[in-house]
């Protein structure tokens, strides 16, 4: 089985394709964060801002009290 080789990372120009890719990558990242917290007994907190500035967050159960103590985040574009 042949390997694909190195993939060039560059911005996706088509807006719809970029949004679909963002949603799929975000879901995969959140799944990996959950798996890391579950399998390795790690405390994980993840913050993701969409291109529109919407906040998506994940925190393992032990991180939740910590996340509520953090000051509010200010997003500056």
PDB file of N, CA and C in Angstrom:
ATOM      1  N   UNK A   1       0.846  -1.175   0.000  1.00  0.00           N
ATOM      2  CA  UNK A   1       0.000   0.000   0.000  1.00  0.00           C
ATOM      3  C   UNK A   1       0.896   1.244   0.000  1.00  0.00           C
ATOM      4  N   UNK A   2       0.691   2.104  -0.951  1.00  0.00           N
ATOM      5  CA  UNK A   2       1.525   3.291  -1.097  1.00  0.00           C
ATOM      6  C   UNK A   2       1.054   4.402  -0.161  1.00  0.00           C
ATOM      7  N   UNK A   3       2.006   5.154   0.326  1.00  0.00           N
ATOM      8  CA  UNK A   3       1.676   6.300   1.174  1.00  0.00           C
ATOM      9  C   UNK A   3       1.360   7.504   0.316  1.00  0.00           C
ATOM     10  N   UNK A   4       0.595   8.379   0.855  1.00  0.00           N
ATOM     11  CA  UNK A   4       0.188   9.569   0.111  1.00  0.00           C
ATOM     12  C   UNK A   4       1.291  10.615   0.033  1.00  0.00           C
ATOM     13  N   UNK A   5       2.175  10.594   0.980  1.00  0.00           N
ATOM     14  CA  UNK A   5       3.205  11.622   1.016  1.00  0.00           C
ATOM     15  C   UNK A   5       2.732  12.822   1.812  1.00  0.00           C
ATOM     16  N   UNK A   6       3.518  13.857   1.753  1.00  0.00           N
ATOM     17  CA  UNK A   6       3.228  15.064   2.511  1.00  0.00           C
ATOM     18  C   UNK A   6       2.131  15.874   1.823  1.00  0.00           C
ATOM     19  N   UNK A   7       1.172  16.340   2.613  1.00  0.00           N
ATOM     20  CA  UNK A   7       0.062  17.119   2.085  1.00  0.00           C
ATOM     21  C   UNK A   7       0.338  18.594   2.362  1.00  0.00           C
ATOM     22  N   UNK A   8       0.183  19.414   1.367  1.00  0.00           N
ATOM     23  CA  UNK A   8       0.392  20.847   1.537  1.00  0.00           C
ATOM     24  C   UNK A   8      -0.815  21.446   2.263  1.00  0.00           C
ATOM     25  N   UNK A   9      -0.554  22.124   3.375  1.00  0.00           N
ATOM     26  CA  UNK A   9      -1.622  22.776   4.125  1.00  0.00           C
ATOM     27  C   UNK A   9      -1.760  24.200   3.632  1.00  0.00           C
ATOM     28  N   UNK A  10      -2.940  24.556   3.204  1.00  0.00           N
ATOM     29  CA  UNK A  10      -3.212  25.913   2.745  1.00  0.00           C
ATOM     30  C   UNK A  10      -4.674  26.231   3.009  1.00  0.00           C
ATOM     31  N   UNK A  11      -4.987  27.497   2.999  1.00  0.00           N
ATOM     32  CA  UNK A  11      -6.348  27.954   3.267  1.00  0.00           C
ATOM     33  C   UNK A  11      -7.288  27.462   2.170  1.00  0.00           C
ATOM     34  N   UNK A  12      -8.477  27.027   2.580  1.00  0.00           N
ATOM     35  CA  UNK A  12      -9.498  26.594   1.630  1.00  0.00           C
ATOM     36  C   UNK A  12     -10.240  27.840   1.171  1.00  0.00           C
ATOM     37  N   UNK A  13     -10.205  28.106  -0.114  1.00  0.00           N
ATOM     38  CA  UNK A  13     -10.778  29.339  -0.637  1.00  0.00           C
ATOM     39  C   UNK A  13     -12.307  29.323  -0.697  1.00  0.00           C
ATOM     40  N   UNK A  14     -12.901  28.178  -1.052  1.00  0.00           N
ATOM     41  CA  UNK A  14     -14.361  28.088  -1.146  1.00  0.00           C
ATOM     42  C   UNK A  14     -14.966  28.132   0.254  1.00  0.00           C
ATOM     43  N   UNK A  15     -15.838  29.102   0.481  1.00  0.00           N
ATOM     44  CA  UNK A  15     -16.396  29.331   1.811  1.00  0.00           C
ATOM     45  C   UNK A  15     -17.194  28.131   2.330  1.00  0.00           C
ATOM     46  N   UNK A  16     -18.002  27.536   1.489  1.00  0.00           N
ATOM     47  CA  UNK A  16     -18.814  26.389   1.906  1.00  0.00           C
ATOM     48  C   UNK A  16     -17.930  25.202   2.261  1.00  0.00           C
ATOM     49  N   UNK A  17     -16.955  24.914   1.424  1.00  0.00           N
ATOM     50  CA  UNK A  17     -16.032  23.808   1.697  1.00  0.00           C
ATOM     51  C   UNK A  17     -15.254  24.046   2.982  1.00  0.00           C
ATOM     52  N   UNK A  18     -14.857  25.295   3.213  1.00  0.00           N
ATOM     53  CA  UNK A  18     -14.113  25.641   4.423  1.00  0.00           C
ATOM     54  C   UNK A  18     -14.967  25.412   5.660  1.00  0.00           C
ATOM     55  N   UNK A  19     -16.263  25.774   5.607  1.00  0.00           N
ATOM     56  CA  UNK A  19     -17.153  25.586   6.747  1.00  0.00           C
ATOM     57  C   UNK A  19     -17.391  24.105   7.027  1.00  0.00           C
ATOM     58  N   UNK A  20     -17.567  23.312   5.962  1.00  0.00           N
ATOM     59  CA  UNK A  20     -17.762  21.866   6.128  1.00  0.00           C
ATOM     60  C   UNK A  20     -16.514  21.248   6.756  1.00  0.00           C
ATOM     61  N   UNK A  21     -15.341  21.626   6.249  1.00  0.00           N
ATOM     62  CA  UNK A  21     -14.088  21.088   6.783  1.00  0.00           C
ATOM     63  C   UNK A  21     -13.900  21.492   8.235  1.00  0.00           C
ATOM     64  N   UNK A  22     -14.234  22.747   8.561  1.00  0.00           N
ATOM     65  CA  UNK A  22     -14.121  23.215   9.945  1.00  0.00           C
ATOM     66  C   UNK A  22     -14.994  22.372  10.864  1.00  0.00           C
ATOM     67  N   UNK A  23     -16.228  22.126  10.462  1.00  0.00           N
ATOM     68  CA  UNK A  23     -17.155  21.351  11.294  1.00  0.00           C
ATOM     69  C   UNK A  23     -16.662  19.926  11.514  1.00  0.00           C
ATOM     70  N   UNK A  24     -16.160  19.302  10.464  1.00  0.00           N
ATOM     71  CA  UNK A  24     -15.669  17.927  10.587  1.00  0.00           C
ATOM     72  C   UNK A  24     -14.404  17.866  11.435  1.00  0.00           C
ATOM     73  N   UNK A  25     -13.493  18.799  11.216  1.00  0.00           N
ATOM     74  CA  UNK A  25     -12.258  18.825  12.001  1.00  0.00           C
ATOM     75  C   UNK A  25     -12.542  19.131  13.460  1.00  0.00           C
ATOM     76  N   UNK A  26     -13.489  20.039  13.719  1.00  0.00           N
ATOM     77  CA  UNK A  26     -13.855  20.375  15.093  1.00  0.00           C
ATOM     78  C   UNK A  26     -14.415  19.146  15.807  1.00  0.00           C
ATOM     79  N   UNK A  27     -15.285  18.406  15.131  1.00  0.00           N
ATOM     80  CA  UNK A  27     -15.861  17.201  15.730  1.00  0.00           C
ATOM     81  C   UNK A  27     -14.774  16.185  16.050  1.00  0.00           C
ATOM     82  N   UNK A  28     -13.820  16.017  15.133  1.00  0.00           N
ATOM     83  CA  UNK A  28     -12.720  15.084  15.366  1.00  0.00           C
ATOM     84  C   UNK A  28     -11.833  15.521  16.519  1.00  0.00           C
ATOM     85  N   UNK A  29     -11.586  16.815  16.620  1.00  0.00           N
ATOM     86  CA  UNK A  29     -10.754  17.341  17.696  1.00  0.00           C
ATOM     87  C   UNK A  29     -11.423  17.143  19.049  1.00  0.00           C
ATOM     88  N   UNK A  30     -12.731  17.375  19.116  1.00  0.00           N
ATOM     89  CA  UNK A  30     -13.462  17.189  20.368  1.00  0.00           C
ATOM     90  C   UNK A  30     -13.492  15.705  20.752  1.00  0.00           C
ATOM     91  N   UNK A  31     -13.610  14.825  19.766  1.00  0.00           N
ATOM     92  CA  UNK A  31     -13.591  13.387  20.039  1.00  0.00           C
ATOM     93  C   UNK A  31     -12.239  12.976  20.612  1.00  0.00           C
ATOM     94  N   UNK A  32     -11.151  13.496  20.023  1.00  0.00           N
ATOM     95  CA  UNK A  32      -9.811  13.175  20.518  1.00  0.00           C
ATOM     96  C   UNK A  32      -9.601  13.717  21.929  1.00  0.00           C
ATOM     97  N   UNK A  33     -10.119  14.905  22.223  1.00  0.00           N
ATOM     98  CA  UNK A  33      -9.991  15.465  23.566  1.00  0.00           C
ATOM     99  C   UNK A  33     -10.725  14.593  24.581  1.00  0.00           C
ATOM    100  N   UNK A  34     -11.913  14.118  24.212  1.00  0.00           N
ATOM    101  CA  UNK A  34     -12.665  13.223  25.094  1.00  0.00           C
ATOM    102  C   UNK A  34     -11.908  11.918  25.319  1.00  0.00           C
ATOM    103  N   UNK A  35     -11.373  11.333  24.239  1.00  0.00           N
ATOM    104  CA  UNK A  35     -10.628  10.085  24.349  1.00  0.00           C
ATOM    105  C   UNK A  35      -9.393  10.253  25.225  1.00  0.00           C
ATOM    106  N   UNK A  36      -8.691  11.359  25.068  1.00  0.00           N
ATOM    107  CA  UNK A  36      -7.500  11.619  25.877  1.00  0.00           C
ATOM    108  C   UNK A  36      -7.861  11.698  27.351  1.00  0.00           C
ATOM    109  N   UNK A  37      -8.938  12.385  27.678  1.00  0.00           N
ATOM    110  CA  UNK A  37      -9.339  12.510  29.081  1.00  0.00           C
ATOM    111  C   UNK A  37      -9.791  11.169  29.647  1.00  0.00           C
ATOM    112  N   UNK A  38     -10.457  10.372  28.835  1.00  0.00           N
ATOM    113  CA  UNK A  38     -10.970   9.089  29.313  1.00  0.00           C
ATOM    114  C   UNK A  38      -9.868   8.038  29.439  1.00  0.00           C
ATOM    115  N   UNK A  39      -9.073   7.869  28.406  1.00  0.00           N
ATOM    116  CA  UNK A  39      -8.073   6.812  28.378  1.00  0.00           C
ATOM    117  C   UNK A  39      -6.867   7.094  29.263  1.00  0.00           C
ATOM    118  N   UNK A  40      -6.465   8.343  29.346  1.00  0.00           N
ATOM    119  CA  UNK A  40      -5.240   8.690  30.076  1.00  0.00           C
ATOM    120  C   UNK A  40      -5.523   9.362  31.408  1.00  0.00           C
ATOM    121  N   UNK A  41      -6.781   9.464  31.774  1.00  0.00           N
ATOM    122  CA  UNK A  41      -7.177  10.099  33.023  1.00  0.00           C
ATOM    123  C   UNK A  41      -6.577  11.500  33.127  1.00  0.00           C
ATOM    124  N   UNK A  42      -6.599  12.213  32.010  1.00  0.00           N
ATOM    125  CA  UNK A  42      -6.044  13.570  31.949  1.00  0.00           C
ATOM    126  C   UNK A  42      -7.165  14.592  32.060  1.00  0.00           C
ATOM    127  N   UNK A  43      -6.819  15.747  32.587  1.00  0.00           N
ATOM    128  CA  UNK A  43      -7.765  16.853  32.622  1.00  0.00           C
ATOM    129  C   UNK A  43      -7.576  17.641  31.332  1.00  0.00           C
ATOM    130  N   UNK A  44      -8.632  17.762  30.567  1.00  0.00           N
ATOM    131  CA  UNK A  44      -8.549  18.387  29.246  1.00  0.00           C
ATOM    132  C   UNK A  44      -9.579  19.505  29.147  1.00  0.00           C
ATOM    133  N   UNK A  45      -9.121  20.636  28.642  1.00  0.00           N
ATOM    134  CA  UNK A  45     -10.021  21.744  28.331  1.00  0.00           C
ATOM    135  C   UNK A  45      -9.676  22.221  26.926  1.00  0.00           C
ATOM    136  N   UNK A  46     -10.691  22.433  26.111  1.00  0.00           N
ATOM    137  CA  UNK A  46     -10.483  22.792  24.714  1.00  0.00           C
ATOM    138  C   UNK A  46     -11.414  23.935  24.350  1.00  0.00           C
ATOM    139  N   UNK A  47     -10.850  24.995  23.776  1.00  0.00           N
ATOM    140  CA  UNK A  47     -11.624  26.134  23.290  1.00  0.00           C
ATOM    141  C   UNK A  47     -11.343  26.293  21.807  1.00  0.00           C
ATOM    142  N   UNK A  48     -12.407  26.415  21.019  1.00  0.00           N
ATOM    143  CA  UNK A  48     -12.271  26.592  19.576  1.00  0.00           C
ATOM    144  C   UNK A  48     -13.173  27.754  19.167  1.00  0.00           C
ATOM    145  N   UNK A  49     -12.605  28.686  18.423  1.00  0.00           N
ATOM    146  CA  UNK A  49     -13.379  29.797  17.885  1.00  0.00           C
ATOM    147  C   UNK A  49     -13.575  29.574  16.398  1.00  0.00           C
ATOM    148  N   UNK A  50     -14.798  29.685  15.933  1.00  0.00           N
ATOM    149  CA  UNK A  50     -15.087  29.543  14.507  1.00  0.00           C
ATOM    150  C   UNK A  50     -14.627  30.808  13.783  1.00  0.00           C
ATOM    151  N   UNK A  51     -14.567  30.748  12.459  1.00  0.00           N
ATOM    152  CA  UNK A  51     -14.215  31.966  11.706  1.00  0.00           C
ATOM    153  C   UNK A  51     -15.185  33.126  11.974  1.00  0.00           C
ATOM    154  N   UNK A  52     -16.414  32.806  12.352  1.00  0.00           N
ATOM    155  CA  UNK A  52     -17.405  33.842  12.660  1.00  0.00           C
ATOM    156  C   UNK A  52     -17.286  34.334  14.101  1.00  0.00           C
ATOM    157  N   UNK A  53     -16.385  33.721  14.882  1.00  0.00           N
ATOM    158  CA  UNK A  53     -16.182  34.143  16.258  1.00  0.00           C
ATOM    159  C   UNK A  53     -17.002  33.385  17.278  1.00  0.00           C
ATOM    160  N   UNK A  54     -17.710  32.347  16.864  1.00  0.00           N
ATOM    161  CA  UNK A  54     -18.511  31.554  17.798  1.00  0.00           C
ATOM    162  C   UNK A  54     -17.586  30.639  18.595  1.00  0.00           C
ATOM    163  N   UNK A  55     -17.861  30.528  19.885  1.00  0.00           N
ATOM    164  CA  UNK A  55     -17.038  29.732  20.786  1.00  0.00           C
ATOM    165  C   UNK A  55     -17.606  28.329  20.929  1.00  0.00           C
ATOM    166  N   UNK A  56     -16.729  27.323  20.788  1.00  0.00           N
ATOM    167  CA  UNK A  56     -17.059  25.927  21.066  1.00  0.00           C
ATOM    168  C   UNK A  56     -16.092  25.476  22.138  1.00  0.00           C
ATOM    169  N   UNK A  57     -16.611  24.786  23.163  1.00  0.00           N
ATOM    170  CA  UNK A  57     -15.744  24.404  24.270  1.00  0.00           C
ATOM    171  C   UNK A  57     -16.012  22.983  24.739  1.00  0.00           C
ATOM    172  N   UNK A  58     -14.947  22.369  25.258  1.00  0.00           N
ATOM    173  CA  UNK A  58     -15.043  21.052  25.868  1.00  0.00           C
ATOM    174  C   UNK A  58     -14.158  21.078  27.102  1.00  0.00           C
ATOM    175  N   UNK A  59     -14.630  20.468  28.178  1.00  0.00           N
ATOM    176  CA  UNK A  59     -13.815  20.312  29.373  1.00  0.00           C
ATOM    177  C   UNK A  59     -14.169  18.981  30.013  1.00  0.00           C
ATOM    178  N   UNK A  60     -13.138  18.247  30.438  1.00  0.00           N
ATOM    179  CA  UNK A  60     -13.403  17.004  31.157  1.00  0.00           C
ATOM    180  C   UNK A  60     -14.063  17.371  32.484  1.00  0.00           C
ATOM    181  N   UNK A  61     -14.724  16.426  33.095  1.00  0.00           N
ATOM    182  CA  UNK A  61     -15.573  16.720  34.257  1.00  0.00           C
ATOM    183  C   UNK A  61     -14.809  17.386  35.394  1.00  0.00           C
ATOM    184  N   UNK A  62     -13.560  17.007  35.597  1.00  0.00           N
ATOM    185  CA  UNK A  62     -12.795  17.625  36.686  1.00  0.00           C
ATOM    186  C   UNK A  62     -12.355  19.038  36.339  1.00  0.00           C
ATOM    187  N   UNK A  63     -12.336  19.399  35.068  1.00  0.00           N
ATOM    188  CA  UNK A  63     -11.926  20.746  34.654  1.00  0.00           C
ATOM    189  C   UNK A  63     -13.068  21.740  34.756  1.00  0.00           C
ATOM    190  N   UNK A  64     -14.286  21.271  34.847  1.00  0.00           N
ATOM    191  CA  UNK A  64     -15.429  22.182  34.825  1.00  0.00           C
ATOM    192  C   UNK A  64     -15.354  23.246  35.925  1.00  0.00           C
ATOM    193  N   UNK A  65     -15.044  22.894  37.184  1.00  0.00           N
ATOM    194  CA  UNK A  65     -14.938  23.961  38.187  1.00  0.00           C
ATOM    195  C   UNK A  65     -13.845  24.967  37.841  1.00  0.00           C
ATOM    196  N   UNK A  66     -12.752  24.504  37.270  1.00  0.00           N
ATOM    197  CA  UNK A  66     -11.671  25.391  36.857  1.00  0.00           C
ATOM    198  C   UNK A  66     -12.139  26.318  35.742  1.00  0.00           C
ATOM    199  N   UNK A  67     -12.877  25.772  34.781  1.00  0.00           N
ATOM    200  CA  UNK A  67     -13.345  26.571  33.651  1.00  0.00           C
ATOM    201  C   UNK A  67     -14.295  27.670  34.107  1.00  0.00           C
ATOM    202  N   UNK A  68     -15.067  27.434  35.139  1.00  0.00           N
ATOM    203  CA  UNK A  68     -16.001  28.453  35.613  1.00  0.00           C
ATOM    204  C   UNK A  68     -15.281  29.544  36.395  1.00  0.00           C
ATOM    205  N   UNK A  69     -14.065  29.270  36.892  1.00  0.00           N
ATOM    206  CA  UNK A  69     -13.298  30.278  37.627  1.00  0.00           C
ATOM    207  C   UNK A  69     -12.490  31.174  36.703  1.00  0.00           C
ATOM    208  N   UNK A  70     -12.310  30.774  35.455  1.00  0.00           N
ATOM    209  CA  UNK A  70     -11.500  31.571  34.529  1.00  0.00           C
ATOM    210  C   UNK A  70     -12.215  32.863  34.192  1.00  0.00           C
ATOM    211  N   UNK A  71     -11.457  33.936  33.970  1.00  0.00           N
ATOM    212  CA  UNK A  71     -12.108  35.184  33.555  1.00  0.00           C
ATOM    213  C   UNK A  71     -12.700  35.026  32.178  1.00  0.00           C
ATOM    214  N   UNK A  72     -13.708  35.829  31.829  1.00  0.00           N
ATOM    215  CA  UNK A  72     -14.298  35.725  30.493  1.00  0.00           C
ATOM    216  C   UNK A  72     -13.266  36.047  29.431  1.00  0.00           C
ATOM    217  N   UNK A  73     -13.318  35.315  28.337  1.00  0.00           N
ATOM    218  CA  UNK A  73     -12.384  35.515  27.240  1.00  0.00           C
ATOM    219  C   UNK A  73     -12.876  36.632  26.332  1.00  0.00           C
ATOM    220  N   UNK A  74     -11.954  37.408  25.866  1.00  0.00           N
ATOM    221  CA  UNK A  74     -12.278  38.467  24.907  1.00  0.00           C
ATOM    222  C   UNK A  74     -11.656  38.076  23.594  1.00  0.00           C
ATOM    223  N   UNK A  75     -12.483  37.926  22.568  1.00  0.00           N
ATOM    224  CA  UNK A  75     -12.018  37.528  21.246  1.00  0.00           C
ATOM    225  C   UNK A  75     -11.810  38.777  20.411  1.00  0.00           C
ATOM    226  N   UNK A  76     -10.592  38.982  19.968  1.00  0.00           N
ATOM    227  CA  UNK A  76     -10.267  40.135  19.134  1.00  0.00           C
ATOM    228  C   UNK A  76      -9.843  39.634  17.780  1.00  0.00           C
ATOM    229  N   UNK A  77     -10.560  40.016  16.744  1.00  0.00           N
ATOM    230  CA  UNK A  77     -10.243  39.554  15.389  1.00  0.00           C
ATOM    231  C   UNK A  77      -9.096  40.339  14.807  1.00  0.00           C
TER     232      UNK A  77
END
